Amino acid sequence: MTILQLDPPIPVYITETKECGLATFLIDYSCEHHLKWVVFMDKTGEIWVFDNTKVRAQKNVTMGRMTKEGISNDERCRG
């Protein structure tokens, strides 16, 4: 098992909860498991661990990364 502290933390969107947060740690159990993201949730301050399949990068206009619906993750989380 490997734990990596992300510095700086990465703003992420959680598809399961439809909320945003800051990914602070990444846990890798091995090649047979999904990566695990330790996320500090923006709205509640709770700390949760999510599988890689539930975590997406937040909108980044500079990199051209928008959601498919044309609504940014930021607008969903902060609006």
N, C-alpha and C. Protein backbone atom coordinates (compact mmCIF):
# COMPACT_ATOMS: atom_id res chain seq x y z
N MET A 1 0.85 -1.17 0.00
CA MET A 1 0.00 0.00 0.00
C MET A 1 0.89 1.24 0.00
N THR A 2 0.48 2.21 -0.82
CA THR A 2 1.19 3.48 -0.90
C THR A 2 0.21 4.61 -0.65
N ILE A 3 0.60 5.57 0.18
CA ILE A 3 -0.21 6.76 0.41
C ILE A 3 0.60 7.96 -0.07
N LEU A 4 -0.02 8.74 -0.94
CA LEU A 4 0.64 9.91 -1.51
C LEU A 4 -0.11 11.17 -1.08
N GLN A 5 0.60 12.11 -0.44
CA GLN A 5 -0.03 13.39 -0.10
C GLN A 5 0.04 14.28 -1.33
N LEU A 6 -1.10 14.82 -1.74
CA LEU A 6 -1.16 15.69 -2.91
C LEU A 6 -0.85 17.12 -2.48
N ASP A 7 0.18 17.70 -3.06
CA ASP A 7 0.59 19.05 -2.70
C ASP A 7 0.88 19.83 -3.97
N PRO A 8 -0.04 20.69 -4.39
CA PRO A 8 -1.23 21.14 -3.69
C PRO A 8 -2.38 20.14 -3.85
N PRO A 9 -3.40 20.24 -2.99
CA PRO A 9 -4.58 19.39 -3.13
C PRO A 9 -5.27 19.66 -4.48
N ILE A 10 -5.99 18.67 -4.99
CA ILE A 10 -6.63 18.78 -6.30
C ILE A 10 -8.14 18.98 -6.11
N PRO A 11 -8.72 20.05 -6.71
CA PRO A 11 -10.17 20.22 -6.63
C PRO A 11 -10.86 19.14 -7.47
N VAL A 12 -11.78 18.40 -6.85
CA VAL A 12 -12.45 17.30 -7.54
C VAL A 12 -13.97 17.41 -7.39
N TYR A 13 -14.66 16.72 -8.30
CA TYR A 13 -16.12 16.59 -8.29
C TYR A 13 -16.43 15.13 -8.06
N ILE A 14 -17.30 14.84 -7.11
CA ILE A 14 -17.67 13.46 -6.79
C ILE A 14 -19.00 13.14 -7.47
N THR A 15 -18.99 12.20 -8.40
CA THR A 15 -20.18 11.88 -9.17
C THR A 15 -21.26 11.24 -8.30
N GLU A 16 -20.87 10.51 -7.29
CA GLU A 16 -21.82 9.80 -6.42
C GLU A 16 -22.66 10.77 -5.57
N THR A 17 -22.03 11.80 -5.04
CA THR A 17 -22.72 12.75 -4.16
C THR A 17 -23.07 14.06 -4.86
N LYS A 18 -22.53 14.27 -6.07
CA LYS A 18 -22.72 15.50 -6.83
C LYS A 18 -22.24 16.73 -6.03
N GLU A 19 -21.11 16.57 -5.38
CA GLU A 19 -20.51 17.64 -4.59
C GLU A 19 -19.03 17.79 -4.95
N CYS A 20 -18.48 18.92 -4.55
CA CYS A 20 -17.07 19.20 -4.79
C CYS A 20 -16.28 19.08 -3.50
N GLY A 21 -14.99 18.91 -3.66
CA GLY A 21 -14.10 18.85 -2.51
C GLY A 21 -12.66 18.95 -2.95
N LEU A 22 -11.77 18.84 -1.98
CA LEU A 22 -10.33 18.86 -2.25
C LEU A 22 -9.75 17.49 -1.96
N ALA A 23 -9.18 16.87 -2.99
CA ALA A 23 -8.48 15.61 -2.80
C ALA A 23 -7.12 15.92 -2.19
N THR A 24 -6.86 15.34 -1.04
CA THR A 24 -5.63 15.64 -0.30
C THR A 24 -4.66 14.48 -0.27
N PHE A 25 -5.20 13.25 -0.30
CA PHE A 25 -4.36 12.05 -0.31
C PHE A 25 -4.86 11.09 -1.38
N LEU A 26 -3.95 10.28 -1.88
CA LEU A 26 -4.27 9.23 -2.83
C LEU A 26 -3.72 7.92 -2.27
N ILE A 27 -4.57 6.90 -2.18
CA ILE A 27 -4.16 5.61 -1.63
C ILE A 27 -4.15 4.58 -2.75
N ASP A 28 -3.04 3.88 -2.90
CA ASP A 28 -2.89 2.84 -3.92
C ASP A 28 -2.61 1.52 -3.22
N TYR A 29 -3.60 0.61 -3.25
CA TYR A 29 -3.43 -0.68 -2.59
C TYR A 29 -2.64 -1.66 -3.45
N SER A 30 -2.78 -1.58 -4.75
CA SER A 30 -2.01 -2.40 -5.70
C SER A 30 -2.72 -2.37 -7.04
N CYS A 31 -2.18 -3.09 -8.00
CA CYS A 31 -2.76 -3.08 -9.35
C CYS A 31 -4.11 -3.79 -9.41
N GLU A 32 -4.49 -4.52 -8.40
CA GLU A 32 -5.78 -5.24 -8.40
C GLU A 32 -6.92 -4.42 -7.80
N HIS A 33 -6.67 -3.18 -7.39
CA HIS A 33 -7.67 -2.37 -6.72
C HIS A 33 -7.76 -0.99 -7.36
N HIS A 34 -8.93 -0.35 -7.21
CA HIS A 34 -9.07 1.04 -7.64
C HIS A 34 -8.24 1.93 -6.71
N LEU A 35 -7.74 3.04 -7.26
CA LEU A 35 -7.13 4.05 -6.41
C LEU A 35 -8.20 4.60 -5.48
N LYS A 36 -7.82 5.02 -4.30
CA LYS A 36 -8.74 5.63 -3.33
C LYS A 36 -8.33 7.08 -3.13
N TRP A 37 -9.30 7.98 -3.21
CA TRP A 37 -9.07 9.41 -3.03
C TRP A 37 -9.61 9.85 -1.68
N VAL A 38 -8.80 10.49 -0.87
CA VAL A 38 -9.25 11.06 0.39
C VAL A 38 -9.63 12.51 0.10
N VAL A 39 -10.93 12.81 0.28
CA VAL A 39 -11.46 14.11 -0.15
C VAL A 39 -12.08 14.85 1.04
N PHE A 40 -11.68 16.11 1.19
CA PHE A 40 -12.29 17.02 2.16
C PHE A 40 -13.43 17.73 1.44
N MET A 41 -14.67 17.45 1.85
CA MET A 41 -15.84 17.97 1.16
C MET A 41 -16.03 19.46 1.45
N ASP A 42 -16.34 20.24 0.38
CA ASP A 42 -16.47 21.70 0.51
C ASP A 42 -17.63 22.10 1.42
N LYS A 43 -18.81 21.53 1.21
CA LYS A 43 -20.01 21.98 1.92
C LYS A 43 -20.02 21.63 3.40
N THR A 44 -19.60 20.43 3.73
CA THR A 44 -19.74 19.95 5.11
C THR A 44 -18.43 19.87 5.89
N GLY A 45 -17.32 19.86 5.18
CA GLY A 45 -16.03 19.70 5.85
C GLY A 45 -15.73 18.26 6.21
N GLU A 46 -16.65 17.35 5.87
CA GLU A 46 -16.42 15.94 6.16
C GLU A 46 -15.28 15.40 5.30
N ILE A 47 -14.66 14.34 5.78
CA ILE A 47 -13.57 13.69 5.06
C ILE A 47 -14.04 12.31 4.65
N TRP A 48 -14.02 12.03 3.33
CA TRP A 48 -14.49 10.75 2.81
C TRP A 48 -13.45 10.16 1.89
N VAL A 49 -13.52 8.85 1.71
CA VAL A 49 -12.65 8.14 0.77
C VAL A 49 -13.52 7.61 -0.36
N PHE A 50 -13.13 7.91 -1.61
CA PHE A 50 -13.90 7.50 -2.78
C PHE A 50 -13.03 6.69 -3.73
N ASP A 51 -13.66 5.70 -4.40
CA ASP A 51 -12.97 4.96 -5.46
C ASP A 51 -12.67 5.89 -6.63
N ASN A 52 -11.67 5.54 -7.38
CA ASN A 52 -11.28 6.31 -8.56
C ASN A 52 -12.44 6.49 -9.54
N THR A 53 -13.35 5.53 -9.61
CA THR A 53 -14.46 5.59 -10.56
C THR A 53 -15.47 6.69 -10.21
N LYS A 54 -15.44 7.22 -9.00
CA LYS A 54 -16.39 8.24 -8.55
C LYS A 54 -15.82 9.65 -8.56
N VAL A 55 -14.55 9.80 -8.88
CA VAL A 55 -13.86 11.08 -8.76
C VAL A 55 -13.55 11.65 -10.16
N ARG A 56 -13.88 12.93 -10.35
CA ARG A 56 -13.59 13.62 -11.60
C ARG A 56 -12.92 14.95 -11.28
N ALA A 57 -12.08 15.42 -12.18
CA ALA A 57 -11.46 16.73 -12.01
C ALA A 57 -12.51 17.81 -12.19
N GLN A 58 -12.41 18.87 -11.41
CA GLN A 58 -13.34 19.99 -11.57
C GLN A 58 -13.02 20.74 -12.86
N LYS A 59 -13.94 21.61 -13.24
CA LYS A 59 -13.78 22.43 -14.44
C LYS A 59 -12.47 23.21 -14.39
N ASN A 60 -11.83 23.30 -15.56
CA ASN A 60 -10.64 24.13 -15.71
C ASN A 60 -10.70 24.75 -17.10
N VAL A 61 -11.14 26.01 -17.16
CA VAL A 61 -11.33 26.68 -18.44
C VAL A 61 -10.03 26.78 -19.21
N THR A 62 -8.93 27.04 -18.52
CA THR A 62 -7.63 27.17 -19.17
C THR A 62 -7.25 25.90 -19.91
N MET A 63 -7.58 24.74 -19.32
CA MET A 63 -7.25 23.46 -19.94
C MET A 63 -8.38 22.96 -20.85
N GLY A 64 -9.48 23.72 -20.95
CA GLY A 64 -10.60 23.33 -21.80
C GLY A 64 -11.42 22.18 -21.23
N ARG A 65 -11.37 21.99 -19.93
CA ARG A 65 -12.09 20.89 -19.31
C ARG A 65 -13.42 21.39 -18.76
N MET A 66 -14.52 21.00 -19.44
CA MET A 66 -15.88 21.35 -19.04
C MET A 66 -16.68 20.06 -18.93
N THR A 67 -17.82 20.11 -18.27
CA THR A 67 -18.67 18.92 -18.21
C THR A 67 -19.40 18.76 -19.54
N LYS A 68 -19.92 17.58 -19.79
CA LYS A 68 -20.61 17.28 -21.05
C LYS A 68 -21.85 18.13 -21.22
N GLU A 69 -22.53 18.46 -20.13
CA GLU A 69 -23.77 19.22 -20.22
C GLU A 69 -23.52 20.72 -20.42
N GLY A 70 -22.26 21.14 -20.38
CA GLY A 70 -21.96 22.55 -20.53
C GLY A 70 -22.09 23.33 -19.23
N ILE A 71 -22.44 22.66 -18.14
CA ILE A 71 -22.51 23.30 -16.83
C ILE A 71 -21.29 22.86 -16.05
N SER A 72 -20.59 23.81 -15.51
CA SER A 72 -19.35 23.46 -14.83
C SER A 72 -19.64 22.77 -13.51
N ASN A 73 -18.71 21.95 -13.06
CA ASN A 73 -18.81 21.33 -11.74
C ASN A 73 -18.89 22.39 -10.66
N ASP A 74 -18.17 23.49 -10.85
CA ASP A 74 -18.17 24.57 -9.86
C ASP A 74 -19.56 25.14 -9.69
N GLU A 75 -20.30 25.33 -10.81
CA GLU A 75 -21.65 25.89 -10.72
C GLU A 75 -22.57 24.93 -9.98
N ARG A 76 -22.42 23.64 -10.16
CA ARG A 76 -23.24 22.66 -9.46
C ARG A 76 -22.95 22.70 -7.97
N CYS A 77 -21.69 22.86 -7.61
CA CYS A 77 -21.30 22.77 -6.21
C CYS A 77 -21.45 24.07 -5.45
N ARG A 78 -21.27 25.16 -6.11
CA ARG A 78 -21.25 26.44 -5.41
C ARG A 78 -22.49 27.28 -5.70
N GLY A 79 -23.36 26.83 -6.62
CA GLY A 79 -24.50 27.64 -7.04
C GLY A 79 -25.72 27.29 -6.40
